[in-house]
Amino acid sequence: MYKQLEKIFSQAFGVDKIDMSMSIDSVPGWDSMAHVGLILALQKEFAISIPPADAIELTSVKNIIQYLVNRNISSG
């Protein structure tokens, strides 16, 4: 899962590595429009549907990983 997230973040924000401290407040370019793209990329990569109420909470790498773990997504 971690490598998949790094790929998504690399494509979305041009970062080489991700860490648990990264959030919408600390990643340059992670604004509301980029967030929509990120959610779409997560849905495509992990073949899941993320409801809008959940999507608004996924504003950090830590929250995204926890969400995927709670959805029983590990690696693929």
PDB file of N, CA and C in Angstrom:
ATOM      1  N   MET A   1       0.817  -1.192   0.000  1.00  0.00           N
ATOM      2  CA  MET A   1       0.000   0.000   0.000  1.00  0.00           C
ATOM      3  C   MET A   1       0.866   1.263   0.000  1.00  0.00           C
ATOM      4  N   TYR A   2       1.950   1.230   0.770  1.00  0.00           N
ATOM      5  CA  TYR A   2       2.805   2.408   0.918  1.00  0.00           C
ATOM      6  C   TYR A   2       3.411   2.818  -0.422  1.00  0.00           C
ATOM      7  N   LYS A   3       3.892   1.837  -1.180  1.00  0.00           N
ATOM      8  CA  LYS A   3       4.489   2.128  -2.491  1.00  0.00           C
ATOM      9  C   LYS A   3       3.448   2.698  -3.451  1.00  0.00           C
ATOM     10  N   GLN A   4       2.238   2.174  -3.375  1.00  0.00           N
ATOM     11  CA  GLN A   4       1.158   2.692  -4.215  1.00  0.00           C
ATOM     12  C   GLN A   4       0.850   4.141  -3.854  1.00  0.00           C
ATOM     13  N   LEU A   5       0.835   4.435  -2.564  1.00  0.00           N
ATOM     14  CA  LEU A   5       0.595   5.815  -2.133  1.00  0.00           C
ATOM     15  C   LEU A   5       1.726   6.731  -2.581  1.00  0.00           C
ATOM     16  N   GLU A   6       2.957   6.251  -2.494  1.00  0.00           N
ATOM     17  CA  GLU A   6       4.084   7.074  -2.958  1.00  0.00           C
ATOM     18  C   GLU A   6       3.941   7.390  -4.443  1.00  0.00           C
ATOM     19  N   LYS A   7       3.487   6.410  -5.218  1.00  0.00           N
ATOM     20  CA  LYS A   7       3.284   6.636  -6.652  1.00  0.00           C
ATOM     21  C   LYS A   7       2.212   7.695  -6.876  1.00  0.00           C
ATOM     22  N   ILE A   8       1.118   7.600  -6.162  1.00  0.00           N
ATOM     23  CA  ILE A   8       0.019   8.559  -6.293  1.00  0.00           C
ATOM     24  C   ILE A   8       0.489   9.961  -5.900  1.00  0.00           C
ATOM     25  N   PHE A   9       1.186  10.065  -4.764  1.00  0.00           N
ATOM     26  CA  PHE A   9       1.660  11.371  -4.309  1.00  0.00           C
ATOM     27  C   PHE A   9       2.721  11.935  -5.242  1.00  0.00           C
ATOM     28  N   SER A  10       3.543  11.078  -5.815  1.00  0.00           N
ATOM     29  CA  SER A  10       4.547  11.526  -6.768  1.00  0.00           C
ATOM     30  C   SER A  10       3.878  12.134  -7.992  1.00  0.00           C
ATOM     31  N   GLN A  11       2.867  11.451  -8.500  1.00  0.00           N
ATOM     32  CA  GLN A  11       2.158  11.950  -9.673  1.00  0.00           C
ATOM     33  C   GLN A  11       1.361  13.215  -9.362  1.00  0.00           C
ATOM     34  N   ALA A  12       0.757  13.267  -8.192  1.00  0.00           N
ATOM     35  CA  ALA A  12      -0.100  14.400  -7.838  1.00  0.00           C
ATOM     36  C   ALA A  12       0.684  15.637  -7.408  1.00  0.00           C
ATOM     37  N   PHE A  13       1.765  15.408  -6.658  1.00  0.00           N
ATOM     38  CA  PHE A  13       2.447  16.537  -6.026  1.00  0.00           C
ATOM     39  C   PHE A  13       3.947  16.608  -6.299  1.00  0.00           C
ATOM     40  N   GLY A  14       4.469  15.633  -7.036  1.00  0.00           N
ATOM     41  CA  GLY A  14       5.883  15.644  -7.379  1.00  0.00           C
ATOM     42  C   GLY A  14       6.817  15.356  -6.218  1.00  0.00           C
ATOM     43  N   VAL A  15       6.329  14.626  -5.217  1.00  0.00           N
ATOM     44  CA  VAL A  15       7.179  14.265  -4.083  1.00  0.00           C
ATOM     45  C   VAL A  15       7.764  12.875  -4.300  1.00  0.00           C
ATOM     46  N   ASP A  16       8.999  12.685  -3.852  1.00  0.00           N
ATOM     47  CA  ASP A  16       9.670  11.396  -4.028  1.00  0.00           C
ATOM     48  C   ASP A  16       9.294  10.392  -2.956  1.00  0.00           C
ATOM     49  N   LYS A  17       9.145  10.871  -1.734  1.00  0.00           N
ATOM     50  CA  LYS A  17       8.847  10.010  -0.590  1.00  0.00           C
ATOM     51  C   LYS A  17       7.676  10.605   0.184  1.00  0.00           C
ATOM     52  N   ILE A  18       6.928   9.728   0.826  1.00  0.00           N
ATOM     53  CA  ILE A  18       5.868  10.203   1.715  1.00  0.00           C
ATOM     54  C   ILE A  18       6.209   9.802   3.140  1.00  0.00           C
ATOM     55  N   ASP A  19       5.664  10.545   4.082  1.00  0.00           N
ATOM     56  CA  ASP A  19       5.785  10.157   5.487  1.00  0.00           C
ATOM     57  C   ASP A  19       4.497  10.533   6.207  1.00  0.00           C
ATOM     58  N   MET A  20       4.348   9.997   7.385  1.00  0.00           N
ATOM     59  CA  MET A  20       3.105  10.136   8.137  1.00  0.00           C
ATOM     60  C   MET A  20       2.780  11.574   8.524  1.00  0.00           C
ATOM     61  N   SER A  21       3.759  12.458   8.502  1.00  0.00           N
ATOM     62  CA  SER A  21       3.511  13.845   8.906  1.00  0.00           C
ATOM     63  C   SER A  21       2.968  14.702   7.767  1.00  0.00           C
ATOM     64  N   MET A  22       2.974  14.195   6.550  1.00  0.00           N
ATOM     65  CA  MET A  22       2.526  14.989   5.406  1.00  0.00           C
ATOM     66  C   MET A  22       1.012  15.190   5.454  1.00  0.00           C
ATOM     67  N   SER A  23       0.606  16.445   5.183  1.00  0.00           N
ATOM     68  CA  SER A  23      -0.822  16.757   5.209  1.00  0.00           C
ATOM     69  C   SER A  23      -1.130  17.856   4.206  1.00  0.00           C
ATOM     70  N   ILE A  24      -2.401  18.152   4.097  1.00  0.00           N
ATOM     71  CA  ILE A  24      -2.850  19.197   3.190  1.00  0.00           C
ATOM     72  C   ILE A  24      -2.212  20.546   3.545  1.00  0.00           C
ATOM     73  N   ASP A  25      -1.812  20.701   4.798  1.00  0.00           N
ATOM     74  CA  ASP A  25      -1.185  21.946   5.248  1.00  0.00           C
ATOM     75  C   ASP A  25       0.309  22.001   4.964  1.00  0.00           C
ATOM     76  N   SER A  26       0.932  20.861   4.702  1.00  0.00           N
ATOM     77  CA  SER A  26       2.390  20.860   4.556  1.00  0.00           C
ATOM     78  C   SER A  26       2.887  20.499   3.153  1.00  0.00           C
ATOM     79  N   VAL A  27       2.010  19.996   2.303  1.00  0.00           N
ATOM     80  CA  VAL A  27       2.438  19.590   0.958  1.00  0.00           C
ATOM     81  C   VAL A  27       2.081  20.699  -0.032  1.00  0.00           C
ATOM     82  N   PRO A  28       3.092  21.300  -0.665  1.00  0.00           N
ATOM     83  CA  PRO A  28       2.818  22.348  -1.651  1.00  0.00           C
ATOM     84  C   PRO A  28       1.954  21.810  -2.792  1.00  0.00           C
ATOM     85  N   GLY A  29       0.938  22.554  -3.136  1.00  0.00           N
ATOM     86  CA  GLY A  29       0.060  22.169  -4.226  1.00  0.00           C
ATOM     87  C   GLY A  29      -1.144  21.336  -3.819  1.00  0.00           C
ATOM     88  N   TRP A  30      -1.181  20.893  -2.557  1.00  0.00           N
ATOM     89  CA  TRP A  30      -2.316  20.096  -2.093  1.00  0.00           C
ATOM     90  C   TRP A  30      -3.414  21.058  -1.656  1.00  0.00           C
ATOM     91  N   ASP A  31      -4.178  21.517  -2.639  1.00  0.00           N
ATOM     92  CA  ASP A  31      -5.299  22.393  -2.362  1.00  0.00           C
ATOM     93  C   ASP A  31      -6.598  21.630  -2.624  1.00  0.00           C
ATOM     94  N   SER A  32      -7.714  22.321  -2.617  1.00  0.00           N
ATOM     95  CA  SER A  32      -8.999  21.633  -2.745  1.00  0.00           C
ATOM     96  C   SER A  32      -9.144  20.921  -4.092  1.00  0.00           C
ATOM     97  N   MET A  33      -8.668  21.540  -5.157  1.00  0.00           N
ATOM     98  CA  MET A  33      -8.758  20.899  -6.473  1.00  0.00           C
ATOM     99  C   MET A  33      -7.842  19.675  -6.543  1.00  0.00           C
ATOM    100  N   ALA A  34      -6.634  19.814  -6.040  1.00  0.00           N
ATOM    101  CA  ALA A  34      -5.702  18.681  -6.032  1.00  0.00           C
ATOM    102  C   ALA A  34      -6.243  17.559  -5.150  1.00  0.00           C
ATOM    103  N   HIS A  35      -6.971  17.913  -4.096  1.00  0.00           N
ATOM    104  CA  HIS A  35      -7.544  16.909  -3.197  1.00  0.00           C
ATOM    105  C   HIS A  35      -8.555  16.037  -3.948  1.00  0.00           C
ATOM    106  N   VAL A  36      -9.354  16.660  -4.795  1.00  0.00           N
ATOM    107  CA  VAL A  36     -10.316  15.896  -5.593  1.00  0.00           C
ATOM    108  C   VAL A  36      -9.570  14.902  -6.484  1.00  0.00           C
ATOM    109  N   GLY A  37      -8.505  15.353  -7.121  1.00  0.00           N
ATOM    110  CA  GLY A  37      -7.695  14.463  -7.950  1.00  0.00           C
ATOM    111  C   GLY A  37      -7.073  13.338  -7.153  1.00  0.00           C
ATOM    112  N   LEU A  38      -6.630  13.651  -5.943  1.00  0.00           N
ATOM    113  CA  LEU A  38      -6.038  12.645  -5.069  1.00  0.00           C
ATOM    114  C   LEU A  38      -7.067  11.577  -4.704  1.00  0.00           C
ATOM    115  N   ILE A  39      -8.264  12.000  -4.354  1.00  0.00           N
ATOM    116  CA  ILE A  39      -9.325  11.053  -3.996  1.00  0.00           C
ATOM    117  C   ILE A  39      -9.663  10.160  -5.194  1.00  0.00           C
ATOM    118  N   LEU A  40      -9.750  10.755  -6.378  1.00  0.00           N
ATOM    119  CA  LEU A  40     -10.023   9.965  -7.586  1.00  0.00           C
ATOM    120  C   LEU A  40      -8.911   8.958  -7.838  1.00  0.00           C
ATOM    121  N   ALA A  41      -7.663   9.375  -7.646  1.00  0.00           N
ATOM    122  CA  ALA A  41      -6.532   8.468  -7.837  1.00  0.00           C
ATOM    123  C   ALA A  41      -6.556   7.326  -6.822  1.00  0.00           C
ATOM    124  N   LEU A  42      -6.908   7.634  -5.581  1.00  0.00           N
ATOM    125  CA  LEU A  42      -7.014   6.591  -4.552  1.00  0.00           C
ATOM    126  C   LEU A  42      -8.107   5.583  -4.915  1.00  0.00           C
ATOM    127  N   GLN A  43      -9.242   6.090  -5.367  1.00  0.00           N
ATOM    128  CA  GLN A  43     -10.349   5.208  -5.738  1.00  0.00           C
ATOM    129  C   GLN A  43      -9.947   4.289  -6.890  1.00  0.00           C
ATOM    130  N   LYS A  44      -9.259   4.842  -7.864  1.00  0.00           N
ATOM    131  CA  LYS A  44      -8.839   4.045  -9.015  1.00  0.00           C
ATOM    132  C   LYS A  44      -7.779   3.021  -8.614  1.00  0.00           C
ATOM    133  N   GLU A  45      -6.759   3.474  -7.896  1.00  0.00           N
ATOM    134  CA  GLU A  45      -5.642   2.595  -7.529  1.00  0.00           C
ATOM    135  C   GLU A  45      -6.083   1.427  -6.660  1.00  0.00           C
ATOM    136  N   PHE A  46      -6.973   1.699  -5.708  1.00  0.00           N
ATOM    137  CA  PHE A  46      -7.367   0.667  -4.749  1.00  0.00           C
ATOM    138  C   PHE A  46      -8.736   0.057  -5.045  1.00  0.00           C
ATOM    139  N   ALA A  47      -9.343   0.455  -6.178  1.00  0.00           N
ATOM    140  CA  ALA A  47     -10.642  -0.079  -6.602  1.00  0.00           C
ATOM    141  C   ALA A  47     -11.680   0.014  -5.488  1.00  0.00           C
ATOM    142  N   ILE A  48     -11.798   1.223  -4.929  1.00  0.00           N
ATOM    143  CA  ILE A  48     -12.765   1.465  -3.862  1.00  0.00           C
ATOM    144  C   ILE A  48     -13.567   2.715  -4.206  1.00  0.00           C
ATOM    145  N   SER A  49     -14.658   2.879  -3.507  1.00  0.00           N
ATOM    146  CA  SER A  49     -15.454   4.099  -3.603  1.00  0.00           C
ATOM    147  C   SER A  49     -15.321   4.832  -2.279  1.00  0.00           C
ATOM    148  N   ILE A  50     -14.950   6.099  -2.352  1.00  0.00           N
ATOM    149  CA  ILE A  50     -14.783   6.895  -1.135  1.00  0.00           C
ATOM    150  C   ILE A  50     -15.905   7.923  -1.080  1.00  0.00           C
ATOM    151  N   PRO A  51     -16.828   7.782  -0.134  1.00  0.00           N
ATOM    152  CA  PRO A  51     -17.924   8.748  -0.016  1.00  0.00           C
ATOM    153  C   PRO A  51     -17.390  10.150   0.302  1.00  0.00           C
ATOM    154  N   PRO A  52     -18.096  11.181  -0.172  1.00  0.00           N
ATOM    155  CA  PRO A  52     -17.647  12.558   0.093  1.00  0.00           C
ATOM    156  C   PRO A  52     -17.398  12.856   1.570  1.00  0.00           C
ATOM    157  N   ALA A  53     -18.227  12.323   2.445  1.00  0.00           N
ATOM    158  CA  ALA A  53     -18.038  12.563   3.883  1.00  0.00           C
ATOM    159  C   ALA A  53     -16.705  12.007   4.369  1.00  0.00           C
ATOM    160  N   ASP A  54     -16.252  10.903   3.787  1.00  0.00           N
ATOM    161  CA  ASP A  54     -14.959  10.334   4.140  1.00  0.00           C
ATOM    162  C   ASP A  54     -13.831  11.114   3.467  1.00  0.00           C
ATOM    163  N   ALA A  55     -14.057  11.498   2.223  1.00  0.00           N
ATOM    164  CA  ALA A  55     -13.016  12.180   1.444  1.00  0.00           C
ATOM    165  C   ALA A  55     -12.541  13.465   2.121  1.00  0.00           C
ATOM    166  N   ILE A  56     -13.463  14.184   2.750  1.00  0.00           N
ATOM    167  CA  ILE A  56     -13.061  15.446   3.375  1.00  0.00           C
ATOM    168  C   ILE A  56     -12.177  15.246   4.599  1.00  0.00           C
ATOM    169  N   GLU A  57     -12.182  14.025   5.133  1.00  0.00           N
ATOM    170  CA  GLU A  57     -11.339  13.709   6.292  1.00  0.00           C
ATOM    171  C   GLU A  57      -9.942  13.223   5.892  1.00  0.00           C
ATOM    172  N   LEU A  58      -9.755  12.883   4.635  1.00  0.00           N
ATOM    173  CA  LEU A  58      -8.494  12.287   4.187  1.00  0.00           C
ATOM    174  C   LEU A  58      -7.500  13.379   3.778  1.00  0.00           C
ATOM    175  N   THR A  59      -7.080  14.153   4.762  1.00  0.00           N
ATOM    176  CA  THR A  59      -6.227  15.309   4.498  1.00  0.00           C
ATOM    177  C   THR A  59      -4.799  15.129   4.996  1.00  0.00           C
ATOM    178  N   SER A  60      -4.421  13.887   5.268  1.00  0.00           N
ATOM    179  CA  SER A  60      -3.038  13.607   5.646  1.00  0.00           C
ATOM    180  C   SER A  60      -2.694  12.179   5.223  1.00  0.00           C
ATOM    181  N   VAL A  61      -1.410  11.934   5.059  1.00  0.00           N
ATOM    182  CA  VAL A  61      -0.964  10.577   4.726  1.00  0.00           C
ATOM    183  C   VAL A  61      -1.408   9.614   5.826  1.00  0.00           C
ATOM    184  N   LYS A  62      -1.275  10.042   7.070  1.00  0.00           N
ATOM    185  CA  LYS A  62      -1.672   9.197   8.200  1.00  0.00           C
ATOM    186  C   LYS A  62      -3.156   8.823   8.118  1.00  0.00           C
ATOM    187  N   ASN A  63      -4.016   9.800   7.849  1.00  0.00           N
ATOM    188  CA  ASN A  63      -5.451   9.531   7.757  1.00  0.00           C
ATOM    189  C   ASN A  63      -5.777   8.623   6.576  1.00  0.00           C
ATOM    190  N   ILE A  64      -5.086   8.826   5.458  1.00  0.00           N
ATOM    191  CA  ILE A  64      -5.324   7.997   4.276  1.00  0.00           C
ATOM    192  C   ILE A  64      -4.938   6.549   4.565  1.00  0.00           C
ATOM    193  N   ILE A  65      -3.768   6.349   5.156  1.00  0.00           N
ATOM    194  CA  ILE A  65      -3.327   4.986   5.476  1.00  0.00           C
ATOM    195  C   ILE A  65      -4.295   4.332   6.458  1.00  0.00           C
ATOM    196  N   GLN A  66      -4.697   5.056   7.491  1.00  0.00           N
ATOM    197  CA  GLN A  66      -5.634   4.497   8.466  1.00  0.00           C
ATOM    198  C   GLN A  66      -6.965   4.142   7.809  1.00  0.00           C
ATOM    199  N   TYR A  67      -7.429   4.997   6.911  1.00  0.00           N
ATOM    200  CA  TYR A  67      -8.676   4.733   6.198  1.00  0.00           C
ATOM    201  C   TYR A  67      -8.565   3.451   5.372  1.00  0.00           C
ATOM    202  N   LEU A  68      -7.458   3.311   4.648  1.00  0.00           N
ATOM    203  CA  LEU A  68      -7.278   2.123   3.817  1.00  0.00           C
ATOM    204  C   LEU A  68      -7.160   0.860   4.673  1.00  0.00           C
ATOM    205  N   VAL A  69      -6.464   0.950   5.799  1.00  0.00           N
ATOM    206  CA  VAL A  69      -6.345  -0.192   6.710  1.00  0.00           C
ATOM    207  C   VAL A  69      -7.729  -0.563   7.244  1.00  0.00           C
ATOM    208  N   ASN A  70      -8.519   0.439   7.620  1.00  0.00           N
ATOM    209  CA  ASN A  70      -9.870   0.178   8.124  1.00  0.00           C
ATOM    210  C   ASN A  70     -10.765  -0.450   7.070  1.00  0.00           C
ATOM    211  N   ARG A  71     -10.468  -0.188   5.805  1.00  0.00           N
ATOM    212  CA  ARG A  71     -11.223  -0.770   4.689  1.00  0.00           C
ATOM    213  C   ARG A  71     -10.623  -2.117   4.264  1.00  0.00           C
ATOM    214  N   ASN A  72      -9.670  -2.619   5.029  1.00  0.00           N
ATOM    215  CA  ASN A  72      -9.001  -3.892   4.748  1.00  0.00           C
ATOM    216  C   ASN A  72      -8.237  -3.886   3.435  1.00  0.00           C
ATOM    217  N   ILE A  73      -7.677  -2.733   3.093  1.00  0.00           N
ATOM    218  CA  ILE A  73      -6.811  -2.612   1.920  1.00  0.00           C
ATOM    219  C   ILE A  73      -5.392  -2.721   2.444  1.00  0.00           C
ATOM    220  N   SER A  74      -4.641  -3.671   1.934  1.00  0.00           N
ATOM    221  CA  SER A  74      -3.256  -3.772   2.386  1.00  0.00           C
ATOM    222  C   SER A  74      -2.330  -3.437   1.235  1.00  0.00           C
ATOM    223  N   SER A  75      -2.017  -4.386   0.426  1.00  0.00           N
ATOM    224  CA  SER A  75      -1.165  -4.092  -0.721  1.00  0.00           C
ATOM    225  C   SER A  75      -1.737  -4.791  -1.935  1.00  0.00           C
ATOM    226  N   GLY A  76      -1.306  -4.324  -3.060  1.00  0.00           N
ATOM    227  CA  GLY A  76      -1.831  -4.927  -4.271  1.00  0.00           C
ATOM    228  C   GLY A  76      -0.977  -4.544  -5.443  1.00  0.00           C
TER     229      GLY A  76
END
